[in-house]
């Protein structure tokens, strides 16, 4: 009887100790509001440089719309992406660093190869779940000027497309094992 009461006490103590640690991993509303404020400031700077994009304004609005839903992590991600795109647009408008056309062309080539591999896999019913998402994310990275990250992600998507195609072809001739076939 005392052992049962003791185990409850140990469990409650462990939960009280661990509970504050979990809050360090979560994104709070204040972090989301700060990221949105930084994105708004970058957007205002892009507007003043005549380099603003309606897409980034929509992303900031979408991030703000997530606050009442308590989706703070997604709001932070959107705000950071909008800020990156606006910062890149300002650098481009100023003629500064960030206009590496060679890296941009490499990223666009990697995206084209990834899309071709995805389409080839889809043609035989072998497109993997995340391939299209990865390509879309890589396109966003190109828009924000993160060419090296976009190349890496597009290459991963290309490999997924190639493996999906190979997998679908390998499974095309596969049949059911004898124990799965219904006997007449």
N, C-alpha and C. Protein backbone atom coordinates (compact mmCIF):
# COMPACT_ATOMS: atom_id res chain seq x y z
N UNK A 1 0.82 -1.19 0.00
CA UNK A 1 0.00 0.00 0.00
C UNK A 1 0.87 1.26 0.00
N UNK A 2 1.91 1.26 0.86
CA UNK A 2 2.80 2.41 0.90
C UNK A 2 3.60 2.53 -0.38
N UNK A 3 3.91 1.38 -0.97
CA UNK A 3 4.67 1.39 -2.21
C UNK A 3 3.88 2.08 -3.32
N UNK A 4 2.58 1.82 -3.38
CA UNK A 4 1.71 2.44 -4.39
C UNK A 4 1.66 3.95 -4.21
N UNK A 5 1.55 4.40 -2.98
CA UNK A 5 1.54 5.83 -2.69
C UNK A 5 2.87 6.48 -3.00
N UNK A 6 3.95 5.74 -2.76
CA UNK A 6 5.28 6.24 -3.06
C UNK A 6 5.49 6.38 -4.57
N UNK A 7 5.00 5.41 -5.34
CA UNK A 7 5.16 5.48 -6.79
C UNK A 7 4.37 6.64 -7.38
N UNK A 8 3.21 6.95 -6.80
CA UNK A 8 2.44 8.11 -7.25
C UNK A 8 3.23 9.39 -6.99
N UNK A 9 3.84 9.46 -5.82
CA UNK A 9 4.63 10.65 -5.48
C UNK A 9 5.82 10.82 -6.40
N UNK A 10 6.48 9.74 -6.73
CA UNK A 10 7.63 9.79 -7.64
C UNK A 10 7.17 10.23 -9.03
N UNK A 11 6.03 9.69 -9.47
CA UNK A 11 5.50 10.04 -10.78
C UNK A 11 5.12 11.52 -10.84
N UNK A 12 4.47 12.01 -9.83
CA UNK A 12 4.07 13.42 -9.80
C UNK A 12 5.31 14.31 -9.76
N UNK A 13 6.30 13.95 -8.98
CA UNK A 13 7.53 14.73 -8.92
C UNK A 13 8.23 14.75 -10.26
N UNK A 14 8.28 13.58 -10.91
CA UNK A 14 8.92 13.51 -12.23
C UNK A 14 8.19 14.39 -13.24
N UNK A 15 6.88 14.38 -13.21
CA UNK A 15 6.11 15.21 -14.13
C UNK A 15 6.33 16.70 -13.86
N UNK A 16 6.39 17.06 -12.62
CA UNK A 16 6.62 18.47 -12.29
C UNK A 16 8.02 18.92 -12.71
N UNK A 17 8.97 18.03 -12.66
CA UNK A 17 10.33 18.38 -13.08
C UNK A 17 10.40 18.47 -14.60
N UNK A 18 9.75 17.54 -15.29
CA UNK A 18 9.83 17.49 -16.75
C UNK A 18 8.95 18.53 -17.43
N UNK A 19 7.88 18.91 -16.82
CA UNK A 19 6.93 19.84 -17.44
C UNK A 19 7.57 21.16 -17.84
N UNK A 20 8.36 21.80 -16.99
CA UNK A 20 8.99 23.05 -17.43
C UNK A 20 9.96 22.86 -18.58
N UNK A 21 10.57 21.69 -18.71
CA UNK A 21 11.51 21.46 -19.78
C UNK A 21 10.82 21.42 -21.14
N UNK A 22 9.58 20.95 -21.18
CA UNK A 22 8.89 20.85 -22.46
C UNK A 22 8.54 22.21 -23.03
N UNK A 23 8.37 23.21 -22.19
CA UNK A 23 8.03 24.52 -22.71
C UNK A 23 9.19 25.16 -23.48
N UNK A 24 10.40 24.68 -23.23
CA UNK A 24 11.56 25.21 -23.96
C UNK A 24 11.52 24.80 -25.43
N UNK A 25 10.83 23.72 -25.73
CA UNK A 25 10.78 23.24 -27.10
C UNK A 25 9.66 23.87 -27.90
N UNK A 26 8.66 24.36 -27.25
CA UNK A 26 7.49 24.90 -27.93
C UNK A 26 7.74 26.34 -28.36
N UNK A 27 7.09 26.72 -29.46
CA UNK A 27 7.14 28.09 -29.91
C UNK A 27 6.00 28.84 -29.23
N UNK A 28 6.31 29.96 -28.65
CA UNK A 28 5.31 30.74 -27.94
C UNK A 28 4.75 31.85 -28.83
N UNK A 29 3.63 32.38 -28.42
CA UNK A 29 2.99 33.46 -29.16
C UNK A 29 3.93 34.65 -29.31
N UNK A 30 4.69 34.96 -28.25
CA UNK A 30 5.59 36.11 -28.31
C UNK A 30 6.66 35.92 -29.39
N UNK A 31 7.13 34.68 -29.56
CA UNK A 31 8.11 34.42 -30.62
C UNK A 31 7.49 34.62 -31.99
N UNK A 32 6.26 34.16 -32.14
CA UNK A 32 5.57 34.32 -33.42
C UNK A 32 5.32 35.80 -33.71
N UNK A 33 4.89 36.55 -32.70
CA UNK A 33 4.64 37.98 -32.89
C UNK A 33 5.93 38.71 -33.25
N UNK A 34 7.05 38.31 -32.62
CA UNK A 34 8.34 38.93 -32.92
C UNK A 34 8.74 38.64 -34.37
N UNK A 35 8.58 37.40 -34.80
CA UNK A 35 8.94 37.03 -36.18
C UNK A 35 8.06 37.78 -37.18
N UNK A 36 6.79 37.94 -36.87
CA UNK A 36 5.88 38.67 -37.76
C UNK A 36 6.26 40.14 -37.82
N UNK A 37 6.63 40.71 -36.67
CA UNK A 37 7.05 42.11 -36.64
C UNK A 37 8.31 42.32 -37.49
N UNK A 38 9.25 41.38 -37.41
CA UNK A 38 10.47 41.48 -38.22
C UNK A 38 10.14 41.35 -39.70
N UNK A 39 9.21 40.46 -40.03
CA UNK A 39 8.80 40.28 -41.42
C UNK A 39 8.11 41.54 -41.94
N UNK A 40 7.28 42.16 -41.10
CA UNK A 40 6.61 43.41 -41.50
C UNK A 40 7.64 44.51 -41.75
N UNK A 41 8.64 44.61 -40.88
CA UNK A 41 9.68 45.63 -41.05
C UNK A 41 10.45 45.40 -42.36
N UNK A 42 10.76 44.15 -42.65
CA UNK A 42 11.47 43.84 -43.90
C UNK A 42 10.58 44.15 -45.10
N UNK A 43 9.28 43.90 -44.96
CA UNK A 43 8.35 44.18 -46.06
C UNK A 43 8.24 45.70 -46.30
N UNK A 44 8.18 46.46 -45.21
CA UNK A 44 8.13 47.91 -45.35
C UNK A 44 9.40 48.45 -46.03
N UNK A 45 10.52 47.84 -45.70
CA UNK A 45 11.78 48.23 -46.33
C UNK A 45 11.73 47.88 -47.82
N UNK A 46 11.16 46.74 -48.16
CA UNK A 46 11.04 46.33 -49.57
C UNK A 46 10.08 47.27 -50.31
N UNK A 47 9.02 47.71 -49.64
CA UNK A 47 8.08 48.65 -50.26
C UNK A 47 8.79 49.96 -50.55
N UNK A 48 9.59 50.44 -49.60
CA UNK A 48 10.29 51.71 -49.81
C UNK A 48 11.35 51.59 -50.91
N UNK A 49 11.84 50.37 -51.18
CA UNK A 49 12.83 50.17 -52.25
C UNK A 49 12.16 49.78 -53.56
N UNK A 50 10.83 49.83 -53.59
CA UNK A 50 10.04 49.41 -54.76
C UNK A 50 10.36 47.98 -55.19
N UNK A 51 10.57 47.12 -54.22
CA UNK A 51 10.90 45.73 -54.50
C UNK A 51 9.94 44.77 -53.79
N UNK A 52 8.84 45.29 -53.29
CA UNK A 52 7.91 44.47 -52.51
C UNK A 52 7.14 43.51 -53.40
N UNK A 53 6.82 42.38 -52.82
CA UNK A 53 6.07 41.36 -53.52
C UNK A 53 4.72 41.16 -52.81
N UNK A 54 3.64 41.06 -53.56
CA UNK A 54 2.35 40.79 -52.91
C UNK A 54 2.34 39.41 -52.25
N UNK A 55 3.19 38.52 -52.74
CA UNK A 55 3.27 37.18 -52.16
C UNK A 55 3.75 37.24 -50.70
N UNK A 56 4.75 38.07 -50.44
CA UNK A 56 5.26 38.15 -49.07
C UNK A 56 4.24 38.82 -48.16
N UNK A 57 3.52 39.80 -48.68
CA UNK A 57 2.48 40.43 -47.88
C UNK A 57 1.41 39.39 -47.51
N UNK A 58 1.06 38.53 -48.46
CA UNK A 58 0.07 37.49 -48.19
C UNK A 58 0.59 36.49 -47.16
N UNK A 59 1.89 36.19 -47.23
CA UNK A 59 2.47 35.26 -46.26
C UNK A 59 2.44 35.85 -44.86
N UNK A 60 2.69 37.14 -44.74
CA UNK A 60 2.64 37.79 -43.43
C UNK A 60 1.21 37.77 -42.90
N UNK A 61 0.26 38.07 -43.77
CA UNK A 61 -1.15 38.03 -43.35
C UNK A 61 -1.55 36.62 -42.92
N UNK A 62 -1.08 35.62 -43.64
CA UNK A 62 -1.39 34.24 -43.29
C UNK A 62 -0.78 33.89 -41.93
N UNK A 63 0.43 34.36 -41.69
CA UNK A 63 1.08 34.11 -40.40
C UNK A 63 0.28 34.76 -39.27
N UNK A 64 -0.19 35.97 -39.49
CA UNK A 64 -1.01 36.64 -38.48
C UNK A 64 -2.32 35.89 -38.25
N UNK A 65 -2.86 35.32 -39.31
CA UNK A 65 -4.11 34.57 -39.18
C UNK A 65 -3.95 33.28 -38.39
N UNK A 66 -2.73 32.79 -38.27
CA UNK A 66 -2.48 31.57 -37.51
C UNK A 66 -2.39 31.82 -36.01
N UNK A 67 -2.18 33.07 -35.61
CA UNK A 67 -2.04 33.36 -34.18
C UNK A 67 -3.28 32.98 -33.37
N UNK A 68 -4.49 33.35 -33.80
CA UNK A 68 -5.66 32.96 -33.01
C UNK A 68 -5.86 31.44 -32.96
N UNK A 69 -5.31 30.73 -33.92
CA UNK A 69 -5.43 29.27 -33.96
C UNK A 69 -4.34 28.58 -33.15
N UNK A 70 -3.44 29.39 -32.58
CA UNK A 70 -2.33 28.92 -31.76
C UNK A 70 -1.35 28.04 -32.54
N UNK A 71 -1.22 28.31 -33.82
CA UNK A 71 -0.24 27.60 -34.64
C UNK A 71 1.00 28.48 -34.77
N UNK A 72 1.67 28.64 -33.66
CA UNK A 72 2.77 29.59 -33.56
C UNK A 72 3.99 29.15 -34.38
N UNK A 73 4.29 27.88 -34.38
CA UNK A 73 5.45 27.39 -35.12
C UNK A 73 5.28 27.66 -36.62
N UNK A 74 4.12 27.36 -37.16
CA UNK A 74 3.85 27.59 -38.58
C UNK A 74 3.88 29.10 -38.88
N UNK A 75 3.37 29.89 -37.96
CA UNK A 75 3.40 31.35 -38.14
C UNK A 75 4.84 31.85 -38.20
N UNK A 76 5.70 31.32 -37.34
CA UNK A 76 7.11 31.72 -37.34
C UNK A 76 7.76 31.33 -38.67
N UNK A 77 7.48 30.11 -39.14
CA UNK A 77 8.06 29.65 -40.41
C UNK A 77 7.65 30.56 -41.56
N UNK A 78 6.37 30.91 -41.63
CA UNK A 78 5.90 31.79 -42.70
C UNK A 78 6.53 33.17 -42.61
N UNK A 79 6.61 33.71 -41.40
CA UNK A 79 7.19 35.04 -41.22
C UNK A 79 8.67 35.06 -41.61
N UNK A 80 9.38 34.03 -41.24
CA UNK A 80 10.80 33.96 -41.59
C UNK A 80 10.98 33.86 -43.10
N UNK A 81 10.15 33.06 -43.75
CA UNK A 81 10.24 32.93 -45.20
C UNK A 81 9.91 34.26 -45.89
N UNK A 82 8.89 34.95 -45.41
CA UNK A 82 8.54 36.25 -45.98
C UNK A 82 9.67 37.26 -45.78
N UNK A 83 10.27 37.24 -44.59
CA UNK A 83 11.38 38.15 -44.31
C UNK A 83 12.56 37.87 -45.24
N UNK A 84 12.88 36.60 -45.43
CA UNK A 84 13.99 36.24 -46.33
C UNK A 84 13.74 36.75 -47.75
N UNK A 85 12.51 36.55 -48.22
CA UNK A 85 12.20 36.98 -49.58
C UNK A 85 12.28 38.50 -49.71
N UNK A 86 11.76 39.22 -48.72
CA UNK A 86 11.83 40.68 -48.79
C UNK A 86 13.27 41.18 -48.66
N UNK A 87 14.06 40.57 -47.78
CA UNK A 87 15.47 40.96 -47.65
C UNK A 87 16.21 40.74 -48.98
N UNK A 88 15.94 39.61 -49.60
CA UNK A 88 16.57 39.31 -50.89
C UNK A 88 16.13 40.32 -51.95
N UNK A 89 14.85 40.66 -51.97
CA UNK A 89 14.35 41.63 -52.95
C UNK A 89 15.01 42.99 -52.76
N UNK A 90 15.22 43.40 -51.52
CA UNK A 90 15.88 44.68 -51.24
C UNK A 90 17.33 44.63 -51.72
N UNK A 91 18.02 43.52 -51.45
CA UNK A 91 19.41 43.39 -51.92
C UNK A 91 19.48 43.44 -53.44
N UNK A 92 18.54 42.78 -54.09
CA UNK A 92 18.50 42.79 -55.55
C UNK A 92 18.25 44.20 -56.08
N UNK A 93 17.31 44.89 -55.46
CA UNK A 93 16.97 46.24 -55.91
C UNK A 93 18.16 47.19 -55.72
N UNK A 94 18.94 46.96 -54.67
CA UNK A 94 20.09 47.81 -54.39
C UNK A 94 21.30 47.40 -55.23
N UNK A 95 21.19 46.29 -55.94
CA UNK A 95 22.30 45.82 -56.76
C UNK A 95 23.40 45.20 -55.94
N UNK A 96 23.06 44.81 -54.72
CA UNK A 96 24.07 44.26 -53.82
C UNK A 96 24.24 42.78 -53.98
N UNK A 97 24.94 42.22 -53.02
CA UNK A 97 25.24 40.79 -53.02
C UNK A 97 23.93 40.01 -52.92
N UNK A 98 23.92 38.86 -53.54
CA UNK A 98 22.72 38.03 -53.50
C UNK A 98 22.22 37.76 -54.89
N UNK A 99 22.81 38.38 -55.89
CA UNK A 99 22.38 38.18 -57.25
C UNK A 99 23.26 37.21 -57.99
N UNK A 100 23.76 36.19 -57.34
CA UNK A 100 24.63 35.22 -57.95
C UNK A 100 23.84 34.43 -58.99
N UNK A 101 23.96 34.85 -60.25
CA UNK A 101 23.15 34.25 -61.31
C UNK A 101 23.58 32.82 -61.58
N UNK A 102 24.86 32.48 -61.36
CA UNK A 102 25.31 31.12 -61.57
C UNK A 102 24.64 30.18 -60.58
N UNK A 103 24.60 30.56 -59.31
CA UNK A 103 23.94 29.74 -58.29
C UNK A 103 22.44 29.65 -58.57
N UNK A 104 21.87 30.75 -59.02
CA UNK A 104 20.44 30.73 -59.33
C UNK A 104 20.16 29.78 -60.49
N UNK A 105 20.98 29.82 -61.52
CA UNK A 105 20.76 28.94 -62.66
C UNK A 105 20.98 27.48 -62.26
N UNK A 106 21.93 27.22 -61.36
CA UNK A 106 22.13 25.86 -60.87
C UNK A 106 20.92 25.39 -60.08
N UNK A 107 20.36 26.28 -59.27
CA UNK A 107 19.18 25.92 -58.49
C UNK A 107 17.99 25.64 -59.40
N UNK A 108 17.84 26.47 -60.43
CA UNK A 108 16.73 26.26 -61.36
C UNK A 108 16.90 24.97 -62.14
N UNK A 109 18.15 24.63 -62.49
CA UNK A 109 18.41 23.37 -63.18
C UNK A 109 18.11 22.18 -62.26
N UNK A 110 18.49 22.30 -61.00
CA UNK A 110 18.21 21.23 -60.04
C UNK A 110 16.70 21.07 -59.86
N UNK A 111 15.98 22.19 -59.83
CA UNK A 111 14.52 22.12 -59.72
C UNK A 111 13.91 21.45 -60.94
N UNK A 112 14.41 21.78 -62.12
CA UNK A 112 13.88 21.18 -63.35
C UNK A 112 14.13 19.68 -63.36
N UNK A 113 15.31 19.26 -62.92
CA UNK A 113 15.63 17.84 -62.87
C UNK A 113 14.75 17.12 -61.85
N UNK A 114 14.51 17.77 -60.72
CA UNK A 114 13.65 17.17 -59.69
C UNK A 114 12.22 17.02 -60.19
N UNK A 115 11.72 18.04 -60.87
CA UNK A 115 10.36 17.98 -61.39
C UNK A 115 10.25 16.91 -62.48
N UNK A 116 11.25 16.78 -63.32
CA UNK A 116 11.24 15.74 -64.36
C UNK A 116 11.23 14.36 -63.73
N UNK A 117 12.03 14.15 -62.70
CA UNK A 117 12.07 12.85 -62.01
C UNK A 117 10.75 12.57 -61.32
N UNK A 118 10.14 13.60 -60.72
CA UNK A 118 8.84 13.43 -60.07
C UNK A 118 7.78 13.04 -61.08
N UNK A 119 7.77 13.72 -62.22
CA UNK A 119 6.78 13.43 -63.26
C UNK A 119 6.97 12.03 -63.83
N UNK A 120 8.22 11.61 -63.99
CA UNK A 120 8.51 10.27 -64.50
C UNK A 120 8.01 9.21 -63.52
N UNK A 121 8.25 9.43 -62.23
CA UNK A 121 7.76 8.50 -61.22
C UNK A 121 6.23 8.48 -61.19
N UNK A 122 5.63 9.64 -61.34
CA UNK A 122 4.16 9.73 -61.34
C UNK A 122 3.56 9.02 -62.54
N UNK A 123 4.28 9.00 -63.65
CA UNK A 123 3.76 8.36 -64.86
C UNK A 123 3.58 6.85 -64.71
N UNK A 124 4.31 6.25 -63.77
CA UNK A 124 4.15 4.81 -63.52
C UNK A 124 3.53 4.55 -62.15
N UNK A 125 2.99 5.59 -61.52
CA UNK A 125 2.34 5.45 -60.22
C UNK A 125 3.30 5.27 -59.07
N UNK A 126 4.49 5.83 -59.19
CA UNK A 126 5.49 5.64 -58.15
C UNK A 126 5.93 6.91 -57.45
N UNK A 127 5.14 7.98 -57.58
CA UNK A 127 5.55 9.23 -56.91
C UNK A 127 5.42 9.06 -55.40
N UNK A 128 6.47 9.43 -54.70
CA UNK A 128 6.47 9.33 -53.25
C UNK A 128 5.74 10.52 -52.65
N UNK A 129 5.29 10.36 -51.43
CA UNK A 129 4.44 11.32 -50.75
C UNK A 129 5.02 12.73 -50.67
N UNK A 130 6.28 12.87 -50.32
CA UNK A 130 6.84 14.19 -50.01
C UNK A 130 7.58 14.85 -51.17
N UNK A 131 7.69 14.19 -52.30
CA UNK A 131 8.51 14.73 -53.39
C UNK A 131 8.00 16.08 -53.87
N UNK A 132 6.71 16.20 -54.14
CA UNK A 132 6.15 17.47 -54.62
C UNK A 132 6.29 18.56 -53.57
N UNK A 133 6.14 18.22 -52.30
CA UNK A 133 6.29 19.20 -51.22
C UNK A 133 7.72 19.72 -51.17
N UNK A 134 8.68 18.80 -51.36
CA UNK A 134 10.08 19.20 -51.33
C UNK A 134 10.40 20.14 -52.49
N UNK A 135 9.83 19.86 -53.66
CA UNK A 135 10.06 20.72 -54.83
C UNK A 135 9.47 22.10 -54.59
N UNK A 136 8.27 22.15 -54.03
CA UNK A 136 7.64 23.44 -53.74
C UNK A 136 8.46 24.23 -52.72
N UNK A 137 8.98 23.55 -51.72
CA UNK A 137 9.81 24.24 -50.72
C UNK A 137 11.11 24.74 -51.34
N UNK A 138 11.68 23.95 -52.24
CA UNK A 138 12.91 24.38 -52.93
C UNK A 138 12.64 25.60 -53.80
N UNK A 139 11.47 25.66 -54.44
CA UNK A 139 11.10 26.83 -55.24
C UNK A 139 11.01 28.07 -54.36
N UNK A 140 10.47 27.91 -53.16
CA UNK A 140 10.41 29.02 -52.22
C UNK A 140 11.80 29.49 -51.80
N UNK A 141 12.71 28.54 -51.63
CA UNK A 141 14.08 28.89 -51.27
C UNK A 141 14.76 29.67 -52.38
N UNK A 142 14.47 29.31 -53.63
CA UNK A 142 15.04 30.05 -54.76
C UNK A 142 14.52 31.47 -54.75
N UNK A 143 13.23 31.63 -54.50
CA UNK A 143 12.64 32.98 -54.46
C UNK A 143 13.26 33.83 -53.37
N UNK A 144 13.66 33.19 -52.27
CA UNK A 144 14.25 33.95 -51.17
C UNK A 144 15.76 34.11 -51.30
N UNK A 145 16.34 33.53 -52.37
CA UNK A 145 17.76 33.69 -52.61
C UNK A 145 18.64 32.68 -51.91
N UNK A 146 18.06 31.67 -51.30
CA UNK A 146 18.83 30.61 -50.62
C UNK A 146 19.12 29.51 -51.62
N UNK A 147 20.02 29.80 -52.56
CA UNK A 147 20.24 28.90 -53.68
C UNK A 147 20.87 27.57 -53.28
N UNK A 148 21.85 27.60 -52.40
CA UNK A 148 22.52 26.35 -52.01
C UNK A 148 21.54 25.41 -51.29
N UNK A 149 20.71 25.97 -50.42
CA UNK A 149 19.71 25.15 -49.74
C UNK A 149 18.70 24.60 -50.75
N UNK A 150 18.33 25.42 -51.72
CA UNK A 150 17.38 24.99 -52.74
C UNK A 150 17.97 23.86 -53.58
N UNK A 151 19.24 23.97 -53.92
CA UNK A 151 19.89 22.92 -54.71
C UNK A 151 19.90 21.61 -53.94
N UNK A 152 20.26 21.67 -52.67
CA UNK A 152 20.31 20.45 -51.86
C UNK A 152 18.93 19.80 -51.75
N UNK A 153 17.91 20.61 -51.52
CA UNK A 153 16.56 20.06 -51.38
C UNK A 153 16.04 19.53 -52.71
N UNK A 154 16.31 20.24 -53.80
CA UNK A 154 15.88 19.77 -55.12
C UNK A 154 16.59 18.47 -55.49
N UNK A 155 17.85 18.34 -55.12
CA UNK A 155 18.57 17.09 -55.39
C UNK A 155 17.97 15.93 -54.60
N UNK A 156 17.58 16.18 -53.35
CA UNK A 156 16.92 15.13 -52.57
C UNK A 156 15.58 14.75 -53.21
N UNK A 157 14.84 15.73 -53.70
CA UNK A 157 13.57 15.44 -54.37
C UNK A 157 13.80 14.66 -55.66
N UNK A 158 14.86 14.99 -56.40
CA UNK A 158 15.18 14.27 -57.63
C UNK A 158 15.47 12.80 -57.33
N UNK A 159 16.26 12.56 -56.28
CA UNK A 159 16.58 11.19 -55.90
C UNK A 159 15.31 10.44 -55.51
N UNK A 160 14.41 11.10 -54.78
CA UNK A 160 13.14 10.46 -54.43
C UNK A 160 12.35 10.10 -55.68
N UNK A 161 12.33 10.99 -56.66
CA UNK A 161 11.63 10.70 -57.90
C UNK A 161 12.24 9.50 -58.63
N UNK A 162 13.56 9.46 -58.68
CA UNK A 162 14.24 8.34 -59.34
C UNK A 162 13.96 7.03 -58.62
N UNK A 163 14.03 7.05 -57.29
CA UNK A 163 13.78 5.83 -56.50
C UNK A 163 12.31 5.41 -56.60
N UNK A 164 11.42 6.37 -56.64
CA UNK A 164 10.00 6.04 -56.79
C UNK A 164 9.72 5.37 -58.12
N UNK A 165 10.37 5.85 -59.17
CA UNK A 165 10.21 5.25 -60.50
C UNK A 165 10.74 3.82 -60.49
N UNK A 166 11.95 3.64 -59.94
CA UNK A 166 12.54 2.31 -59.87
C UNK A 166 11.69 1.35 -59.04
N UNK A 167 11.17 1.85 -57.94
CA UNK A 167 10.34 1.02 -57.07
C UNK A 167 9.06 0.59 -57.78
N UNK A 168 8.42 1.52 -58.48
CA UNK A 168 7.18 1.20 -59.17
C UNK A 168 7.43 0.17 -60.27
N UNK A 169 8.53 0.31 -61.00
CA UNK A 169 8.84 -0.66 -62.04
C UNK A 169 9.16 -2.03 -61.43
N UNK A 170 9.87 -2.04 -60.33
CA UNK A 170 10.21 -3.30 -59.66
C UNK A 170 8.99 -4.02 -59.12
N UNK A 171 7.99 -3.27 -58.71
CA UNK A 171 6.78 -3.88 -58.16
C UNK A 171 5.75 -4.19 -59.23
N UNK A 172 5.98 -3.73 -60.44
CA UNK A 172 5.01 -3.93 -61.51
C UNK A 172 4.76 -5.42 -61.77
N UNK A 173 5.82 -6.21 -61.80
CA UNK A 173 5.71 -7.64 -62.10
C UNK A 173 5.51 -8.48 -60.85
N UNK A 174 5.50 -7.84 -59.70
CA UNK A 174 5.34 -8.60 -58.46
C UNK A 174 3.92 -9.13 -58.36
N UNK A 175 3.81 -10.34 -57.93
CA UNK A 175 2.50 -10.94 -57.75
C UNK A 175 2.26 -11.22 -56.27
N UNK A 176 1.12 -11.75 -55.99
CA UNK A 176 0.81 -12.10 -54.62
C UNK A 176 1.46 -13.44 -54.28
N UNK A 177 1.87 -13.64 -53.06
CA UNK A 177 2.40 -14.94 -52.68
C UNK A 177 1.29 -16.00 -52.72
N UNK A 178 1.68 -17.22 -52.84
CA UNK A 178 0.70 -18.30 -53.02
C UNK A 178 -0.31 -18.36 -51.89
N UNK A 179 0.09 -18.06 -50.67
CA UNK A 179 -0.84 -18.13 -49.55
C UNK A 179 -1.88 -17.01 -49.57
N UNK A 180 -1.66 -16.00 -50.40
CA UNK A 180 -2.62 -14.89 -50.51
C UNK A 180 -3.64 -15.13 -51.63
N UNK A 181 -3.37 -16.06 -52.49
CA UNK A 181 -4.26 -16.31 -53.62
C UNK A 181 -5.38 -17.22 -53.16
N UNK A 182 -6.60 -16.82 -53.49
CA UNK A 182 -7.78 -17.56 -53.08
C UNK A 182 -7.89 -18.83 -53.92
N UNK A 183 -8.07 -19.96 -53.27
CA UNK A 183 -8.19 -21.24 -53.98
C UNK A 183 -9.65 -21.45 -54.39
N UNK A 184 -9.88 -21.94 -55.62
CA UNK A 184 -11.27 -22.16 -56.07
C UNK A 184 -11.93 -23.35 -55.46
